[in-house]
Amino acid sequence: MQEDIRYKQRFENFEKSFLLFKNALDIETPSIVEKAGVIQFFETTFELAWKLMKEK
């Protein structure tokens, strides 16, 4: 039961991160700071996805 709750929490975190990453990609002409943010969103989303795959 506890593992199911943890998995749901991880999935919710991944989903939030993915949506932030997706929205950041929609910026037509990003500044250098915005590009750095997109890279950070990608790294976070990738890491959360990896943790999800390892768990299930």
N, C-alpha and C. Protein backbone atom coordinates (compact mmCIF):
# COMPACT_ATOMS: atom_id res chain seq x y z
N MET A 1 0.82 -1.21 0.00
CA MET A 1 0.00 0.00 0.00
C MET A 1 0.87 1.27 0.00
N GLN A 2 1.87 1.29 0.86
CA GLN A 2 2.75 2.45 0.95
C GLN A 2 3.50 2.66 -0.36
N GLU A 3 3.90 1.56 -1.03
CA GLU A 3 4.62 1.67 -2.29
C GLU A 3 3.73 2.28 -3.38
N ASP A 4 2.43 1.93 -3.37
CA ASP A 4 1.49 2.49 -4.35
C ASP A 4 1.35 4.00 -4.17
N ILE A 5 1.30 4.44 -2.93
CA ILE A 5 1.19 5.88 -2.65
C ILE A 5 2.45 6.60 -3.13
N ARG A 6 3.61 6.00 -2.87
CA ARG A 6 4.87 6.62 -3.28
C ARG A 6 4.96 6.68 -4.80
N TYR A 7 4.50 5.62 -5.47
CA TYR A 7 4.52 5.60 -6.93
C TYR A 7 3.62 6.70 -7.48
N LYS A 8 2.44 6.86 -6.91
CA LYS A 8 1.51 7.92 -7.36
C LYS A 8 2.12 9.30 -7.16
N GLN A 9 2.80 9.49 -6.04
CA GLN A 9 3.45 10.77 -5.77
C GLN A 9 4.55 11.04 -6.80
N ARG A 10 5.34 10.02 -7.10
CA ARG A 10 6.40 10.18 -8.10
C ARG A 10 5.82 10.48 -9.48
N PHE A 11 4.71 9.80 -9.82
CA PHE A 11 4.10 10.06 -11.10
C PHE A 11 3.55 11.49 -11.18
N GLU A 12 2.94 11.96 -10.11
CA GLU A 12 2.42 13.32 -10.08
C GLU A 12 3.55 14.33 -10.23
N ASN A 13 4.67 14.08 -9.57
CA ASN A 13 5.83 14.97 -9.70
C ASN A 13 6.35 14.96 -11.13
N PHE A 14 6.42 13.77 -11.73
CA PHE A 14 6.86 13.67 -13.13
C PHE A 14 5.92 14.44 -14.04
N GLU A 15 4.62 14.27 -13.84
CA GLU A 15 3.63 14.92 -14.69
C GLU A 15 3.75 16.45 -14.61
N LYS A 16 3.91 16.98 -13.41
CA LYS A 16 4.08 18.43 -13.24
C LYS A 16 5.34 18.92 -13.95
N SER A 17 6.41 18.17 -13.77
CA SER A 17 7.68 18.54 -14.41
C SER A 17 7.57 18.49 -15.92
N PHE A 18 6.92 17.46 -16.44
CA PHE A 18 6.76 17.32 -17.88
C PHE A 18 5.95 18.48 -18.46
N LEU A 19 4.88 18.88 -17.77
CA LEU A 19 4.07 19.99 -18.26
C LEU A 19 4.85 21.30 -18.26
N LEU A 20 5.69 21.52 -17.24
CA LEU A 20 6.54 22.71 -17.22
C LEU A 20 7.52 22.69 -18.40
N PHE A 21 8.11 21.52 -18.64
CA PHE A 21 9.05 21.36 -19.76
C PHE A 21 8.34 21.61 -21.09
N LYS A 22 7.17 21.03 -21.24
CA LYS A 22 6.40 21.18 -22.47
C LYS A 22 6.05 22.66 -22.72
N ASN A 23 5.61 23.35 -21.69
CA ASN A 23 5.27 24.77 -21.82
C ASN A 23 6.50 25.61 -22.14
N ALA A 24 7.63 25.26 -21.57
CA ALA A 24 8.86 26.01 -21.84
C ALA A 24 9.30 25.85 -23.29
N LEU A 25 9.01 24.70 -23.89
CA LEU A 25 9.37 24.47 -25.29
C LEU A 25 8.54 25.31 -26.25
N ASP A 26 7.41 25.83 -25.78
CA ASP A 26 6.53 26.63 -26.63
C ASP A 26 7.01 28.07 -26.79
N ILE A 27 8.03 28.47 -26.05
CA ILE A 27 8.56 29.84 -26.16
C ILE A 27 9.23 29.97 -27.52
N GLU A 28 8.76 30.93 -28.32
CA GLU A 28 9.25 31.05 -29.70
C GLU A 28 10.69 31.54 -29.80
N THR A 29 11.01 32.60 -29.10
CA THR A 29 12.38 33.11 -29.14
C THR A 29 12.89 33.25 -27.70
N PRO A 30 13.37 32.16 -27.15
CA PRO A 30 13.79 32.20 -25.74
C PRO A 30 15.11 32.95 -25.55
N SER A 31 15.19 33.63 -24.43
CA SER A 31 16.44 34.29 -24.05
C SER A 31 17.41 33.22 -23.54
N ILE A 32 18.62 33.62 -23.25
CA ILE A 32 19.62 32.69 -22.75
C ILE A 32 19.20 32.11 -21.41
N VAL A 33 18.56 32.91 -20.60
CA VAL A 33 18.09 32.44 -19.28
C VAL A 33 16.94 31.45 -19.47
N GLU A 34 16.06 31.73 -20.41
CA GLU A 34 14.96 30.81 -20.68
C GLU A 34 15.48 29.49 -21.25
N LYS A 35 16.50 29.55 -22.08
CA LYS A 35 17.11 28.32 -22.60
C LYS A 35 17.70 27.49 -21.47
N ALA A 36 18.35 28.16 -20.54
CA ALA A 36 18.91 27.45 -19.38
C ALA A 36 17.80 26.80 -18.56
N GLY A 37 16.67 27.48 -18.44
CA GLY A 37 15.53 26.92 -17.73
C GLY A 37 14.96 25.70 -18.43
N VAL A 38 14.90 25.75 -19.76
CA VAL A 38 14.41 24.60 -20.53
C VAL A 38 15.33 23.40 -20.29
N ILE A 39 16.62 23.64 -20.29
CA ILE A 39 17.57 22.55 -20.04
C ILE A 39 17.36 21.97 -18.64
N GLN A 40 17.16 22.83 -17.67
CA GLN A 40 16.92 22.36 -16.30
C GLN A 40 15.62 21.57 -16.21
N PHE A 41 14.56 22.04 -16.87
CA PHE A 41 13.29 21.30 -16.89
C PHE A 41 13.49 19.92 -17.53
N PHE A 42 14.28 19.86 -18.61
CA PHE A 42 14.54 18.58 -19.26
C PHE A 42 15.27 17.63 -18.30
N GLU A 43 16.30 18.12 -17.64
CA GLU A 43 17.07 17.28 -16.73
C GLU A 43 16.21 16.74 -15.60
N THR A 44 15.38 17.61 -15.02
CA THR A 44 14.50 17.20 -13.93
C THR A 44 13.48 16.17 -14.41
N THR A 45 12.88 16.44 -15.56
CA THR A 45 11.87 15.53 -16.10
C THR A 45 12.50 14.17 -16.43
N PHE A 46 13.67 14.18 -17.02
CA PHE A 46 14.37 12.94 -17.35
C PHE A 46 14.67 12.13 -16.10
N GLU A 47 15.16 12.79 -15.07
CA GLU A 47 15.49 12.11 -13.80
C GLU A 47 14.24 11.51 -13.16
N LEU A 48 13.14 12.25 -13.16
CA LEU A 48 11.90 11.72 -12.58
C LEU A 48 11.36 10.55 -13.39
N ALA A 49 11.48 10.63 -14.70
CA ALA A 49 11.04 9.52 -15.56
C ALA A 49 11.87 8.27 -15.27
N TRP A 50 13.18 8.45 -15.12
CA TRP A 50 14.07 7.33 -14.84
C TRP A 50 13.70 6.66 -13.50
N LYS A 51 13.41 7.46 -12.49
CA LYS A 51 13.03 6.92 -11.19
C LYS A 51 11.71 6.15 -11.28
N LEU A 52 10.77 6.67 -12.07
CA LEU A 52 9.51 5.96 -12.26
C LEU A 52 9.72 4.60 -12.92
N MET A 53 10.54 4.56 -13.94
CA MET A 53 10.78 3.30 -14.66
C MET A 53 11.50 2.29 -13.78
N LYS A 54 12.41 2.75 -12.94
CA LYS A 54 13.13 1.84 -12.06
C LYS A 54 12.19 1.24 -11.02
N GLU A 55 11.20 2.00 -10.58
CA GLU A 55 10.32 1.57 -9.50
C GLU A 55 9.34 0.49 -9.95
N LYS A 56 8.80 0.59 -11.13
CA LYS A 56 7.78 -0.38 -11.59
C LYS A 56 8.32 -1.41 -12.51
